[in-house]
Amino acid sequence: ENQRTVEAKTRLESGNWKEVGRLMNESHSSMRDDYEVSCEEIDILTTLAQNFEGVYGSRLTGGGFGGCTVTLVEKNRVELLIEYLKR
């Protein structure tokens, strides 16, 4: 996770959103599979977001075991994503 964080910082600074998203998705998979700190509801939210057009990446944030997600999405798709996730 530490190396992924350092790489994400570099990608953010260069505006490489696609790579930041890939790192976010990998991070969520690691938290879910390696650290086992995710839960079914968060996994559903991240999967829905990750498969939504315009989303670069989505992952669990906070202390784990529930909580919330953070999603990197194209600005013009934010409202559509919010409505999609509400359904």
N, C-alpha and C. Protein backbone atom coordinates (compact mmCIF):
# COMPACT_ATOMS: atom_id res chain seq x y z
N GLU A 1 0.82 -1.20 0.00
CA GLU A 1 0.00 0.00 0.00
C GLU A 1 0.86 1.26 0.00
N ASN A 2 1.97 1.24 0.70
CA ASN A 2 2.81 2.43 0.77
C ASN A 2 3.35 2.81 -0.60
N GLN A 3 3.83 1.83 -1.35
CA GLN A 3 4.36 2.12 -2.68
C GLN A 3 3.25 2.64 -3.59
N ARG A 4 2.08 2.08 -3.47
CA ARG A 4 0.93 2.52 -4.28
C ARG A 4 0.60 3.98 -3.97
N THR A 5 0.70 4.36 -2.71
CA THR A 5 0.42 5.74 -2.31
C THR A 5 1.44 6.71 -2.90
N VAL A 6 2.69 6.33 -2.85
CA VAL A 6 3.75 7.18 -3.43
C VAL A 6 3.54 7.32 -4.94
N GLU A 7 3.20 6.23 -5.59
CA GLU A 7 2.95 6.28 -7.04
C GLU A 7 1.72 7.14 -7.35
N ALA A 8 0.68 7.02 -6.54
CA ALA A 8 -0.53 7.82 -6.75
C ALA A 8 -0.23 9.31 -6.64
N LYS A 9 0.61 9.69 -5.70
CA LYS A 9 1.00 11.09 -5.54
C LYS A 9 1.63 11.61 -6.84
N THR A 10 2.55 10.85 -7.39
CA THR A 10 3.22 11.24 -8.63
C THR A 10 2.21 11.36 -9.77
N ARG A 11 1.31 10.39 -9.87
CA ARG A 11 0.29 10.40 -10.94
C ARG A 11 -0.68 11.57 -10.77
N LEU A 12 -1.04 11.87 -9.54
CA LEU A 12 -1.93 13.02 -9.29
C LEU A 12 -1.26 14.32 -9.71
N GLU A 13 0.00 14.46 -9.36
CA GLU A 13 0.73 15.69 -9.70
C GLU A 13 0.86 15.88 -11.21
N SER A 14 0.90 14.78 -11.96
CA SER A 14 1.02 14.88 -13.42
C SER A 14 -0.34 14.87 -14.12
N GLY A 15 -1.42 14.72 -13.34
CA GLY A 15 -2.76 14.71 -13.93
C GLY A 15 -3.10 13.44 -14.67
N ASN A 16 -2.44 12.35 -14.34
CA ASN A 16 -2.70 11.07 -15.01
C ASN A 16 -3.82 10.34 -14.27
N TRP A 17 -5.04 10.79 -14.53
CA TRP A 17 -6.22 10.29 -13.80
C TRP A 17 -6.45 8.81 -14.03
N LYS A 18 -6.18 8.34 -15.23
CA LYS A 18 -6.40 6.92 -15.54
C LYS A 18 -5.53 6.03 -14.63
N GLU A 19 -4.29 6.42 -14.46
CA GLU A 19 -3.39 5.64 -13.60
C GLU A 19 -3.76 5.79 -12.13
N VAL A 20 -4.17 6.98 -11.72
CA VAL A 20 -4.63 7.16 -10.34
C VAL A 20 -5.81 6.24 -10.08
N GLY A 21 -6.74 6.18 -11.02
CA GLY A 21 -7.90 5.30 -10.89
C GLY A 21 -7.51 3.84 -10.78
N ARG A 22 -6.56 3.42 -11.61
CA ARG A 22 -6.09 2.03 -11.55
C ARG A 22 -5.52 1.74 -10.16
N LEU A 23 -4.74 2.66 -9.65
CA LEU A 23 -4.15 2.48 -8.31
C LEU A 23 -5.23 2.44 -7.23
N MET A 24 -6.25 3.28 -7.37
CA MET A 24 -7.36 3.27 -6.41
C MET A 24 -8.07 1.92 -6.43
N ASN A 25 -8.33 1.41 -7.63
CA ASN A 25 -9.01 0.12 -7.75
C ASN A 25 -8.16 -1.00 -7.15
N GLU A 26 -6.85 -0.97 -7.43
CA GLU A 26 -5.96 -1.97 -6.85
C GLU A 26 -5.94 -1.88 -5.33
N SER A 27 -5.95 -0.66 -4.83
CA SER A 27 -5.96 -0.46 -3.38
C SER A 27 -7.22 -1.05 -2.76
N HIS A 28 -8.35 -0.83 -3.40
CA HIS A 28 -9.58 -1.40 -2.84
C HIS A 28 -9.52 -2.92 -2.85
N SER A 29 -9.05 -3.49 -3.94
CA SER A 29 -8.93 -4.95 -4.01
C SER A 29 -8.03 -5.47 -2.89
N SER A 30 -6.94 -4.77 -2.63
CA SER A 30 -6.02 -5.17 -1.57
C SER A 30 -6.68 -5.08 -0.20
N MET A 31 -7.40 -4.00 0.04
CA MET A 31 -8.07 -3.85 1.33
C MET A 31 -9.14 -4.92 1.52
N ARG A 32 -9.81 -5.26 0.42
CA ARG A 32 -10.86 -6.28 0.48
C ARG A 32 -10.26 -7.67 0.64
N ASP A 33 -9.26 -8.01 -0.18
CA ASP A 33 -8.76 -9.39 -0.24
C ASP A 33 -7.59 -9.68 0.70
N ASP A 34 -6.64 -8.75 0.77
CA ASP A 34 -5.44 -8.99 1.58
C ASP A 34 -5.65 -8.63 3.05
N TYR A 35 -6.28 -7.47 3.29
CA TYR A 35 -6.46 -7.00 4.67
C TYR A 35 -7.84 -7.35 5.23
N GLU A 36 -8.77 -7.71 4.36
CA GLU A 36 -10.13 -8.10 4.74
C GLU A 36 -10.81 -7.07 5.64
N VAL A 37 -10.71 -5.77 5.22
CA VAL A 37 -11.33 -4.70 6.01
C VAL A 37 -12.51 -4.04 5.29
N SER A 38 -12.93 -4.61 4.16
CA SER A 38 -14.09 -4.07 3.47
C SER A 38 -15.33 -4.83 3.93
N CYS A 39 -16.46 -4.48 3.36
CA CYS A 39 -17.70 -5.20 3.65
C CYS A 39 -18.52 -5.26 2.36
N GLU A 40 -19.55 -6.06 2.37
CA GLU A 40 -20.34 -6.29 1.16
C GLU A 40 -20.91 -4.99 0.59
N GLU A 41 -21.42 -4.12 1.45
CA GLU A 41 -22.04 -2.88 0.97
C GLU A 41 -21.02 -1.97 0.29
N ILE A 42 -19.84 -1.85 0.88
CA ILE A 42 -18.78 -1.03 0.27
C ILE A 42 -18.31 -1.66 -1.03
N ASP A 43 -18.19 -2.97 -1.07
CA ASP A 43 -17.78 -3.65 -2.30
C ASP A 43 -18.80 -3.42 -3.42
N ILE A 44 -20.07 -3.41 -3.08
CA ILE A 44 -21.11 -3.14 -4.08
C ILE A 44 -20.96 -1.72 -4.61
N LEU A 45 -20.81 -0.75 -3.71
CA LEU A 45 -20.66 0.65 -4.13
C LEU A 45 -19.43 0.84 -5.03
N THR A 46 -18.30 0.26 -4.64
CA THR A 46 -17.10 0.44 -5.46
C THR A 46 -17.24 -0.25 -6.80
N THR A 47 -17.83 -1.43 -6.84
CA THR A 47 -18.02 -2.13 -8.11
C THR A 47 -18.95 -1.35 -9.04
N LEU A 48 -20.04 -0.85 -8.49
CA LEU A 48 -20.96 -0.04 -9.30
C LEU A 48 -20.23 1.19 -9.86
N ALA A 49 -19.51 1.87 -9.02
CA ALA A 49 -18.79 3.07 -9.45
C ALA A 49 -17.71 2.73 -10.47
N GLN A 50 -16.91 1.70 -10.19
CA GLN A 50 -15.82 1.32 -11.08
C GLN A 50 -16.30 0.98 -12.48
N ASN A 51 -17.53 0.52 -12.60
CA ASN A 51 -18.08 0.13 -13.89
C ASN A 51 -18.92 1.21 -14.55
N PHE A 52 -18.96 2.39 -13.95
CA PHE A 52 -19.75 3.51 -14.48
C PHE A 52 -18.88 4.33 -15.43
N GLU A 53 -19.43 4.67 -16.58
CA GLU A 53 -18.68 5.45 -17.57
C GLU A 53 -18.25 6.79 -16.98
N GLY A 54 -16.98 7.09 -17.14
CA GLY A 54 -16.44 8.34 -16.63
C GLY A 54 -15.74 8.22 -15.29
N VAL A 55 -15.82 7.05 -14.67
CA VAL A 55 -15.14 6.82 -13.39
C VAL A 55 -13.76 6.25 -13.67
N TYR A 56 -12.76 6.85 -13.04
CA TYR A 56 -11.39 6.36 -13.16
C TYR A 56 -11.09 5.29 -12.12
N GLY A 57 -11.63 5.48 -10.90
CA GLY A 57 -11.38 4.52 -9.83
C GLY A 57 -12.24 4.80 -8.63
N SER A 58 -12.39 3.78 -7.78
CA SER A 58 -13.19 3.92 -6.57
C SER A 58 -12.65 2.95 -5.53
N ARG A 59 -12.64 3.39 -4.28
CA ARG A 59 -12.10 2.54 -3.22
C ARG A 59 -12.71 2.89 -1.87
N LEU A 60 -12.57 1.96 -0.94
CA LEU A 60 -12.92 2.17 0.45
C LEU A 60 -12.03 3.27 1.02
N THR A 61 -12.57 4.09 1.89
CA THR A 61 -11.75 5.07 2.59
C THR A 61 -12.13 5.06 4.06
N GLY A 62 -11.26 5.54 4.88
CA GLY A 62 -11.51 5.54 6.32
C GLY A 62 -10.86 4.34 6.97
N GLY A 63 -11.39 3.94 8.09
CA GLY A 63 -10.79 2.89 8.89
C GLY A 63 -11.15 1.47 8.49
N GLY A 64 -11.99 1.32 7.46
CA GLY A 64 -12.41 -0.02 7.06
C GLY A 64 -13.66 -0.47 7.77
N PHE A 65 -14.11 -1.65 7.42
CA PHE A 65 -15.29 -2.27 8.03
C PHE A 65 -16.54 -1.41 7.89
N GLY A 66 -16.76 -0.90 6.69
CA GLY A 66 -17.90 -0.03 6.44
C GLY A 66 -17.41 1.37 6.19
N GLY A 67 -18.24 2.33 6.40
CA GLY A 67 -17.82 3.72 6.22
C GLY A 67 -18.24 4.27 4.88
N CYS A 68 -17.24 4.66 4.08
CA CYS A 68 -17.59 5.31 2.82
C CYS A 68 -16.53 5.00 1.76
N THR A 69 -16.82 5.47 0.57
CA THR A 69 -15.91 5.28 -0.56
C THR A 69 -15.47 6.65 -1.08
N VAL A 70 -14.37 6.65 -1.79
CA VAL A 70 -13.93 7.83 -2.52
C VAL A 70 -13.81 7.40 -3.98
N THR A 71 -14.33 8.22 -4.88
CA THR A 71 -14.39 7.88 -6.29
C THR A 71 -13.85 9.03 -7.11
N LEU A 72 -12.96 8.72 -8.04
CA LEU A 72 -12.41 9.70 -8.96
C LEU A 72 -13.20 9.59 -10.26
N VAL A 73 -13.92 10.67 -10.58
CA VAL A 73 -14.85 10.64 -11.71
C VAL A 73 -14.72 11.92 -12.52
N GLU A 74 -14.95 11.82 -13.82
CA GLU A 74 -14.93 13.02 -14.67
C GLU A 74 -15.96 14.01 -14.16
N LYS A 75 -15.59 15.27 -14.16
CA LYS A 75 -16.43 16.33 -13.60
C LYS A 75 -17.84 16.34 -14.22
N ASN A 76 -17.93 16.12 -15.52
CA ASN A 76 -19.23 16.18 -16.18
C ASN A 76 -20.09 14.94 -15.93
N ARG A 77 -19.58 13.96 -15.19
CA ARG A 77 -20.33 12.73 -14.91
C ARG A 77 -20.71 12.60 -13.43
N VAL A 78 -20.34 13.59 -12.62
CA VAL A 78 -20.56 13.49 -11.17
C VAL A 78 -22.04 13.32 -10.84
N GLU A 79 -22.87 14.21 -11.31
CA GLU A 79 -24.30 14.16 -10.96
C GLU A 79 -24.94 12.87 -11.46
N LEU A 80 -24.55 12.43 -12.65
CA LEU A 80 -25.10 11.17 -13.19
C LEU A 80 -24.69 9.99 -12.31
N LEU A 81 -23.45 9.99 -11.85
CA LEU A 81 -22.99 8.92 -10.96
C LEU A 81 -23.76 8.94 -9.65
N ILE A 82 -23.96 10.11 -9.09
CA ILE A 82 -24.70 10.21 -7.83
C ILE A 82 -26.10 9.62 -7.99
N GLU A 83 -26.78 10.01 -9.05
CA GLU A 83 -28.13 9.49 -9.29
C GLU A 83 -28.12 7.97 -9.50
N TYR A 84 -27.13 7.48 -10.23
CA TYR A 84 -26.98 6.05 -10.49
C TYR A 84 -26.80 5.27 -9.18
N LEU A 85 -25.95 5.79 -8.30
CA LEU A 85 -25.68 5.09 -7.05
C LEU A 85 -26.86 5.15 -6.08
N LYS A 86 -27.69 6.15 -6.22
CA LYS A 86 -28.89 6.24 -5.36
C LYS A 86 -29.91 5.16 -5.67
N ARG A 87 -29.91 4.66 -6.90
CA ARG A 87 -30.90 3.66 -7.30
C ARG A 87 -30.64 2.34 -6.69
